[in-house]
Amino acid sequence: MVSKKQILKSLVGDKKLTSFQRVARRLGYMGTGFLIAGQWTLHPPMFVIGFILVITQVAARKQWNLVLLYLNGLAAWLLHLIY
């Protein structure tokens, strides 16, 4: 008889990350820091840098809905930076 633990373990994939995914995760944390700092300073370049770094992380994780969401924020802050 198959136990519950064996069934659950078979459903979970291998959690090894590639080197690109590890770097992208760290860049995402750094991007989040830039976005938080941008909230305090309202300095548009901080938002632009933060969105670019966070987009790298979510693209590496293939979370395309978040990529589109962050591209929208990036476009808004780029327009704010330019004009």
C-alpha atoms as a PDB file:
ATOM      1  CA  MET A   1       0.000   0.000   0.000  1.00  0.00           C
ATOM      2  CA  VAL A   2       1.253   3.465  -0.927  1.00  0.00           C
ATOM      3  CA  SER A   3       1.479   5.936   1.920  1.00  0.00           C
ATOM      4  CA  LYS A   4       0.291   9.531   1.852  1.00  0.00           C
ATOM      5  CA  LYS A   5       3.883  10.751   2.192  1.00  0.00           C
ATOM      6  CA  GLN A   6       4.995   8.825  -0.909  1.00  0.00           C
ATOM      7  CA  ILE A   7       2.101  10.213  -2.956  1.00  0.00           C
ATOM      8  CA  LEU A   8       2.853  13.788  -1.908  1.00  0.00           C
ATOM      9  CA  LYS A   9       6.571  13.326  -2.553  1.00  0.00           C
ATOM     10  CA  SER A  10       5.864  12.069  -6.085  1.00  0.00           C
ATOM     11  CA  LEU A  11       3.855  15.234  -6.821  1.00  0.00           C
ATOM     12  CA  VAL A  12       6.723  17.571  -5.916  1.00  0.00           C
ATOM     13  CA  GLY A  13       9.284  18.211  -8.629  1.00  0.00           C
ATOM     14  CA  ASP A  14      13.016  18.602  -8.248  1.00  0.00           C
ATOM     15  CA  LYS A  15      13.747  21.939  -6.565  1.00  0.00           C
ATOM     16  CA  LYS A  16      17.251  22.487  -7.910  1.00  0.00           C
ATOM     17  CA  LEU A  17      17.665  25.963  -9.365  1.00  0.00           C
ATOM     18  CA  THR A  18      19.907  26.863 -12.259  1.00  0.00           C
ATOM     19  CA  SER A  19      22.595  29.474 -11.754  1.00  0.00           C
ATOM     20  CA  PHE A  20      20.526  31.987 -13.749  1.00  0.00           C
ATOM     21  CA  GLN A  21      17.521  31.398 -11.471  1.00  0.00           C
ATOM     22  CA  ARG A  22      19.676  31.893  -8.364  1.00  0.00           C
ATOM     23  CA  VAL A  23      21.083  35.168  -9.696  1.00  0.00           C
ATOM     24  CA  ALA A  24      17.600  36.274 -10.807  1.00  0.00           C
ATOM     25  CA  ARG A  25      16.240  35.601  -7.316  1.00  0.00           C
ATOM     26  CA  ARG A  26      18.921  37.802  -5.758  1.00  0.00           C
ATOM     27  CA  LEU A  27      18.301  40.514  -8.343  1.00  0.00           C
ATOM     28  CA  GLY A  28      14.596  40.345  -7.506  1.00  0.00           C
ATOM     29  CA  TYR A  29      15.315  40.935  -3.823  1.00  0.00           C
ATOM     30  CA  MET A  30      17.515  43.869  -4.744  1.00  0.00           C
ATOM     31  CA  GLY A  31      14.792  45.208  -7.053  1.00  0.00           C
ATOM     32  CA  THR A  32      12.280  44.993  -4.225  1.00  0.00           C
ATOM     33  CA  GLY A  33      14.654  47.058  -2.126  1.00  0.00           C
ATOM     34  CA  PHE A  34      14.826  49.688  -4.854  1.00  0.00           C
ATOM     35  CA  LEU A  35      11.018  49.766  -5.082  1.00  0.00           C
ATOM     36  CA  ILE A  36      10.743  50.229  -1.316  1.00  0.00           C
ATOM     37  CA  ALA A  37      13.369  52.984  -1.399  1.00  0.00           C
ATOM     38  CA  GLY A  38      11.478  54.584  -4.288  1.00  0.00           C
ATOM     39  CA  GLN A  39       8.340  54.660  -2.136  1.00  0.00           C
ATOM     40  CA  TRP A  40      10.185  56.727   0.457  1.00  0.00           C
ATOM     41  CA  THR A  41      11.982  59.077  -1.918  1.00  0.00           C
ATOM     42  CA  LEU A  42       9.608  59.215  -4.939  1.00  0.00           C
ATOM     43  CA  HIS A  43      12.741  59.243  -7.089  1.00  0.00           C
ATOM     44  CA  PRO A  44      11.763  57.836 -10.547  1.00  0.00           C
ATOM     45  CA  PRO A  45      15.141  56.206 -11.381  1.00  0.00           C
ATOM     46  CA  MET A  46      14.831  54.029  -8.284  1.00  0.00           C
ATOM     47  CA  PHE A  47      11.456  52.758  -9.474  1.00  0.00           C
ATOM     48  CA  VAL A  48      12.801  52.098 -12.977  1.00  0.00           C
ATOM     49  CA  ILE A  49      15.791  50.138 -11.665  1.00  0.00           C
ATOM     50  CA  GLY A  50      13.581  48.257  -9.202  1.00  0.00           C
ATOM     51  CA  PHE A  51      11.047  47.241 -11.849  1.00  0.00           C
ATOM     52  CA  ILE A  52      13.772  46.063 -14.244  1.00  0.00           C
ATOM     53  CA  LEU A  53      15.344  43.890 -11.550  1.00  0.00           C
ATOM     54  CA  VAL A  54      12.026  42.440 -10.379  1.00  0.00           C
ATOM     55  CA  ILE A  55      11.008  41.708 -13.991  1.00  0.00           C
ATOM     56  CA  THR A  56      14.209  39.667 -14.317  1.00  0.00           C
ATOM     57  CA  GLN A  57      13.198  37.552 -11.337  1.00  0.00           C
ATOM     58  CA  VAL A  58       9.604  36.889 -12.380  1.00  0.00           C
ATOM     59  CA  ALA A  59      10.642  36.162 -15.982  1.00  0.00           C
ATOM     60  CA  ALA A  60      13.122  33.569 -14.720  1.00  0.00           C
ATOM     61  CA  ARG A  61      10.292  31.965 -12.734  1.00  0.00           C
ATOM     62  CA  LYS A  62       8.018  32.161 -15.810  1.00  0.00           C
ATOM     63  CA  GLN A  63       5.324  34.122 -13.972  1.00  0.00           C
ATOM     64  CA  TRP A  64       4.103  35.911 -17.056  1.00  0.00           C
ATOM     65  CA  ASN A  65       1.155  37.621 -15.380  1.00  0.00           C
ATOM     66  CA  LEU A  66       3.572  39.388 -13.031  1.00  0.00           C
ATOM     67  CA  VAL A  67       5.900  40.239 -15.923  1.00  0.00           C
ATOM     68  CA  LEU A  68       3.034  42.078 -17.612  1.00  0.00           C
ATOM     69  CA  LEU A  69       2.065  43.782 -14.360  1.00  0.00           C
ATOM     70  CA  TYR A  70       5.607  44.999 -13.720  1.00  0.00           C
ATOM     71  CA  LEU A  71       6.043  46.076 -17.358  1.00  0.00           C
ATOM     72  CA  ASN A  72       3.010  48.295 -16.839  1.00  0.00           C
ATOM     73  CA  GLY A  73       4.619  49.856 -13.752  1.00  0.00           C
ATOM     74  CA  LEU A  74       7.929  50.230 -15.593  1.00  0.00           C
ATOM     75  CA  ALA A  75       6.220  52.018 -18.488  1.00  0.00           C
ATOM     76  CA  ALA A  76       4.431  54.384 -16.100  1.00  0.00           C
ATOM     77  CA  TRP A  77       7.615  55.325 -14.259  1.00  0.00           C
ATOM     78  CA  LEU A  78       9.599  55.670 -17.489  1.00  0.00           C
ATOM     79  CA  LEU A  79       7.003  58.156 -18.730  1.00  0.00           C
ATOM     80  CA  HIS A  80       7.207  59.949 -15.387  1.00  0.00           C
ATOM     81  CA  LEU A  81      11.009  60.020 -15.662  1.00  0.00           C
ATOM     82  CA  ILE A  82      11.019  61.329 -19.232  1.00  0.00           C
ATOM     83  CA  TYR A  83       8.329  64.018 -18.844  1.00  0.00           C
END
